[in-house]
Amino acid sequence: MKKKTIIIWIIIIAAAVIGIYLLTRPTVLGNMKNSYTEQITTASDISFSG
């Protein structure tokens, strides 16, 4: 009975951690396909396929 409770708590905690990660993960702001003539943001995270 105690093992079932521990397993249930581990599953709940893992689901909470995954949920928090999915809500707070950084998003990509741009890519290398477009050309910008002026600065869009003060801090940009640009990704590209290499």
PDB file of N, CA and C in Angstrom:
ATOM      1  N   MET A   1       0.821  -1.192   0.000  1.00  0.00           N
ATOM      2  CA  MET A   1       0.000   0.000   0.000  1.00  0.00           C
ATOM      3  C   MET A   1       0.863   1.254   0.000  1.00  0.00           C
ATOM      4  N   LYS A   2       1.952   1.257   0.742  1.00  0.00           N
ATOM      5  CA  LYS A   2       2.824   2.415   0.824  1.00  0.00           C
ATOM      6  C   LYS A   2       3.541   2.643  -0.509  1.00  0.00           C
ATOM      7  N   LYS A   3       3.896   1.561  -1.218  1.00  0.00           N
ATOM      8  CA  LYS A   3       4.565   1.691  -2.514  1.00  0.00           C
ATOM      9  C   LYS A   3       3.653   2.358  -3.534  1.00  0.00           C
ATOM     10  N   LYS A   4       2.363   2.025  -3.509  1.00  0.00           N
ATOM     11  CA  LYS A   4       1.411   2.646  -4.432  1.00  0.00           C
ATOM     12  C   LYS A   4       1.319   4.139  -4.198  1.00  0.00           C
ATOM     13  N   THR A   5       1.305   4.540  -2.943  1.00  0.00           N
ATOM     14  CA  THR A   5       1.239   5.966  -2.602  1.00  0.00           C
ATOM     15  C   THR A   5       2.482   6.698  -3.099  1.00  0.00           C
ATOM     16  N   ILE A   6       3.639   6.092  -2.908  1.00  0.00           N
ATOM     17  CA  ILE A   6       4.887   6.710  -3.365  1.00  0.00           C
ATOM     18  C   ILE A   6       4.889   6.834  -4.875  1.00  0.00           C
ATOM     19  N   ILE A   7       4.460   5.816  -5.576  1.00  0.00           N
ATOM     20  CA  ILE A   7       4.412   5.854  -7.046  1.00  0.00           C
ATOM     21  C   ILE A   7       3.447   6.926  -7.524  1.00  0.00           C
ATOM     22  N   ILE A   8       2.297   7.048  -6.876  1.00  0.00           N
ATOM     23  CA  ILE A   8       1.324   8.078  -7.252  1.00  0.00           C
ATOM     24  C   ILE A   8       1.915   9.467  -7.052  1.00  0.00           C
ATOM     25  N   TRP A   9       2.601   9.698  -5.944  1.00  0.00           N
ATOM     26  CA  TRP A   9       3.224  10.997  -5.694  1.00  0.00           C
ATOM     27  C   TRP A   9       4.318  11.296  -6.713  1.00  0.00           C
ATOM     28  N   ILE A  10       5.092  10.305  -7.085  1.00  0.00           N
ATOM     29  CA  ILE A  10       6.139  10.508  -8.092  1.00  0.00           C
ATOM     30  C   ILE A  10       5.519  10.905  -9.429  1.00  0.00           C
ATOM     31  N   ILE A  11       4.423  10.254  -9.800  1.00  0.00           N
ATOM     32  CA  ILE A  11       3.747  10.593 -11.054  1.00  0.00           C
ATOM     33  C   ILE A  11       3.187  12.013 -11.000  1.00  0.00           C
ATOM     34  N   ILE A  12       2.590  12.401  -9.878  1.00  0.00           N
ATOM     35  CA  ILE A  12       2.035  13.747  -9.730  1.00  0.00           C
ATOM     36  C   ILE A  12       3.137  14.792  -9.808  1.00  0.00           C
ATOM     37  N   ILE A  13       4.244  14.553  -9.136  1.00  0.00           N
ATOM     38  CA  ILE A  13       5.357  15.510  -9.148  1.00  0.00           C
ATOM     39  C   ILE A  13       5.961  15.602 -10.540  1.00  0.00           C
ATOM     40  N   ALA A  14       6.135  14.469 -11.223  1.00  0.00           N
ATOM     41  CA  ALA A  14       6.685  14.485 -12.581  1.00  0.00           C
ATOM     42  C   ALA A  14       5.764  15.251 -13.527  1.00  0.00           C
ATOM     43  N   ALA A  15       4.458  15.047 -13.410  1.00  0.00           N
ATOM     44  CA  ALA A  15       3.506  15.768 -14.258  1.00  0.00           C
ATOM     45  C   ALA A  15       3.563  17.270 -13.975  1.00  0.00           C
ATOM     46  N   ALA A  16       3.716  17.643 -12.717  1.00  0.00           N
ATOM     47  CA  ALA A  16       3.806  19.062 -12.360  1.00  0.00           C
ATOM     48  C   ALA A  16       5.082  19.685 -12.927  1.00  0.00           C
ATOM     49  N   VAL A  17       6.192  18.986 -12.829  1.00  0.00           N
ATOM     50  CA  VAL A  17       7.457  19.504 -13.361  1.00  0.00           C
ATOM     51  C   VAL A  17       7.373  19.667 -14.877  1.00  0.00           C
ATOM     52  N   ILE A  18       6.826  18.696 -15.557  1.00  0.00           N
ATOM     53  CA  ILE A  18       6.679  18.782 -17.015  1.00  0.00           C
ATOM     54  C   ILE A  18       5.751  19.934 -17.385  1.00  0.00           C
ATOM     55  N   GLY A  19       4.654  20.090 -16.659  1.00  0.00           N
ATOM     56  CA  GLY A  19       3.723  21.184 -16.916  1.00  0.00           C
ATOM     57  C   GLY A  19       4.364  22.541 -16.718  1.00  0.00           C
ATOM     58  N   ILE A  20       5.127  22.698 -15.642  1.00  0.00           N
ATOM     59  CA  ILE A  20       5.813  23.970 -15.392  1.00  0.00           C
ATOM     60  C   ILE A  20       6.840  24.249 -16.481  1.00  0.00           C
ATOM     61  N   TYR A  21       7.576  23.231 -16.903  1.00  0.00           N
ATOM     62  CA  TYR A  21       8.554  23.417 -17.974  1.00  0.00           C
ATOM     63  C   TYR A  21       7.870  23.866 -19.262  1.00  0.00           C
ATOM     64  N   LEU A  22       6.768  23.222 -19.625  1.00  0.00           N
ATOM     65  CA  LEU A  22       6.080  23.572 -20.869  1.00  0.00           C
ATOM     66  C   LEU A  22       5.522  24.991 -20.828  1.00  0.00           C
ATOM     67  N   LEU A  23       5.138  25.471 -19.658  1.00  0.00           N
ATOM     68  CA  LEU A  23       4.596  26.824 -19.539  1.00  0.00           C
ATOM     69  C   LEU A  23       5.682  27.894 -19.503  1.00  0.00           C
ATOM     70  N   THR A  24       6.892  27.550 -19.059  1.00  0.00           N
ATOM     71  CA  THR A  24       7.932  28.559 -18.873  1.00  0.00           C
ATOM     72  C   THR A  24       9.092  28.440 -19.857  1.00  0.00           C
ATOM     73  N   ARG A  25       9.053  27.500 -20.789  1.00  0.00           N
ATOM     74  CA  ARG A  25      10.174  27.341 -21.716  1.00  0.00           C
ATOM     75  C   ARG A  25      10.271  28.560 -22.636  1.00  0.00           C
ATOM     76  N   PRO A  26      11.479  28.901 -23.060  1.00  0.00           N
ATOM     77  CA  PRO A  26      11.654  30.067 -23.938  1.00  0.00           C
ATOM     78  C   PRO A  26      11.080  29.784 -25.325  1.00  0.00           C
ATOM     79  N   THR A  27      10.603  30.838 -25.954  1.00  0.00           N
ATOM     80  CA  THR A  27      10.064  30.707 -27.303  1.00  0.00           C
ATOM     81  C   THR A  27      11.017  31.344 -28.304  1.00  0.00           C
ATOM     82  N   VAL A  28      11.011  30.855 -29.510  1.00  0.00           N
ATOM     83  CA  VAL A  28      11.871  31.388 -30.557  1.00  0.00           C
ATOM     84  C   VAL A  28      11.253  32.687 -31.065  1.00  0.00           C
ATOM     85  N   LEU A  29      12.065  33.736 -31.149  1.00  0.00           N
ATOM     86  CA  LEU A  29      11.564  35.046 -31.556  1.00  0.00           C
ATOM     87  C   LEU A  29      11.710  35.312 -33.044  1.00  0.00           C
ATOM     88  N   GLY A  30      12.577  34.596 -33.717  1.00  0.00           N
ATOM     89  CA  GLY A  30      12.781  34.850 -35.136  1.00  0.00           C
ATOM     90  C   GLY A  30      13.582  33.745 -35.769  1.00  0.00           C
ATOM     91  N   ASN A  31      13.875  33.892 -37.050  1.00  0.00           N
ATOM     92  CA  ASN A  31      14.689  32.918 -37.750  1.00  0.00           C
ATOM     93  C   ASN A  31      15.527  33.620 -38.807  1.00  0.00           C
ATOM     94  N   MET A  32      16.342  32.872 -39.527  1.00  0.00           N
ATOM     95  CA  MET A  32      17.261  33.450 -40.500  1.00  0.00           C
ATOM     96  C   MET A  32      16.627  33.633 -41.878  1.00  0.00           C
ATOM     97  N   LYS A  33      15.346  33.334 -42.041  1.00  0.00           N
ATOM     98  CA  LYS A  33      14.699  33.450 -43.342  1.00  0.00           C
ATOM     99  C   LYS A  33      14.313  34.893 -43.658  1.00  0.00           C
ATOM    100  N   ASN A  34      14.142  35.722 -42.638  1.00  0.00           N
ATOM    101  CA  ASN A  34      13.699  37.098 -42.841  1.00  0.00           C
ATOM    102  C   ASN A  34      14.853  38.074 -42.669  1.00  0.00           C
ATOM    103  N   SER A  35      14.742  39.217 -43.315  1.00  0.00           N
ATOM    104  CA  SER A  35      15.740  40.274 -43.200  1.00  0.00           C
ATOM    105  C   SER A  35      15.110  41.457 -42.479  1.00  0.00           C
ATOM    106  N   TYR A  36      15.759  41.925 -41.412  1.00  0.00           N
ATOM    107  CA  TYR A  36      15.246  43.055 -40.638  1.00  0.00           C
ATOM    108  C   TYR A  36      16.183  44.246 -40.812  1.00  0.00           C
ATOM    109  N   THR A  37      15.611  45.412 -41.025  1.00  0.00           N
ATOM    110  CA  THR A  37      16.415  46.615 -41.204  1.00  0.00           C
ATOM    111  C   THR A  37      16.627  47.351 -39.896  1.00  0.00           C
ATOM    112  N   GLU A  38      15.822  47.069 -38.881  1.00  0.00           N
ATOM    113  CA  GLU A  38      15.995  47.700 -37.581  1.00  0.00           C
ATOM    114  C   GLU A  38      15.815  46.674 -36.477  1.00  0.00           C
ATOM    115  N   GLN A  39      16.274  47.023 -35.301  1.00  0.00           N
ATOM    116  CA  GLN A  39      16.222  46.116 -34.169  1.00  0.00           C
ATOM    117  C   GLN A  39      14.769  45.909 -33.738  1.00  0.00           C
ATOM    118  N   ILE A  40      14.366  44.648 -33.580  1.00  0.00           N
ATOM    119  CA  ILE A  40      12.989  44.327 -33.198  1.00  0.00           C
ATOM    120  C   ILE A  40      12.840  44.330 -31.675  1.00  0.00           C
ATOM    121  N   THR A  41      13.740  43.663 -30.981  1.00  0.00           N
ATOM    122  CA  THR A  41      13.695  43.601 -29.517  1.00  0.00           C
ATOM    123  C   THR A  41      15.082  43.903 -28.967  1.00  0.00           C
ATOM    124  N   THR A  42      15.147  44.153 -27.665  1.00  0.00           N
ATOM    125  CA  THR A  42      16.443  44.414 -27.045  1.00  0.00           C
ATOM    126  C   THR A  42      17.241  43.141 -26.837  1.00  0.00           C
ATOM    127  N   ALA A  43      16.548  42.007 -26.723  1.00  0.00           N
ATOM    128  CA  ALA A  43      17.226  40.715 -26.568  1.00  0.00           C
ATOM    129  C   ALA A  43      16.485  39.698 -27.410  1.00  0.00           C
ATOM    130  N   SER A  44      17.121  39.170 -28.427  1.00  0.00           N
ATOM    131  CA  SER A  44      16.463  38.233 -29.333  1.00  0.00           C
ATOM    132  C   SER A  44      17.150  36.885 -29.278  1.00  0.00           C
ATOM    133  N   ASP A  45      16.371  35.836 -29.418  1.00  0.00           N
ATOM    134  CA  ASP A  45      16.882  34.467 -29.482  1.00  0.00           C
ATOM    135  C   ASP A  45      16.584  33.963 -30.897  1.00  0.00           C
ATOM    136  N   ILE A  46      17.579  33.984 -31.755  1.00  0.00           N
ATOM    137  CA  ILE A  46      17.406  33.622 -33.157  1.00  0.00           C
ATOM    138  C   ILE A  46      17.931  32.208 -33.382  1.00  0.00           C
ATOM    139  N   SER A  47      17.150  31.380 -34.072  1.00  0.00           N
ATOM    140  CA  SER A  47      17.600  30.032 -34.377  1.00  0.00           C
ATOM    141  C   SER A  47      17.666  29.846 -35.889  1.00  0.00           C
ATOM    142  N   PHE A  48      18.492  28.903 -36.332  1.00  0.00           N
ATOM    143  CA  PHE A  48      18.595  28.618 -37.744  1.00  0.00           C
ATOM    144  C   PHE A  48      18.995  27.165 -37.944  1.00  0.00           C
ATOM    145  N   SER A  49      18.618  26.622 -39.077  1.00  0.00           N
ATOM    146  CA  SER A  49      18.998  25.257 -39.420  1.00  0.00           C
ATOM    147  C   SER A  49      20.365  25.290 -40.083  1.00  0.00           C
ATOM    148  N   GLY A  50      21.267  24.461 -39.613  1.00  0.00           N
ATOM    149  CA  GLY A  50      22.615  24.502 -40.159  1.00  0.00           C
ATOM    150  C   GLY A  50      23.019  23.217 -40.832  1.00  0.00           C
TER     151      GLY A  50
END
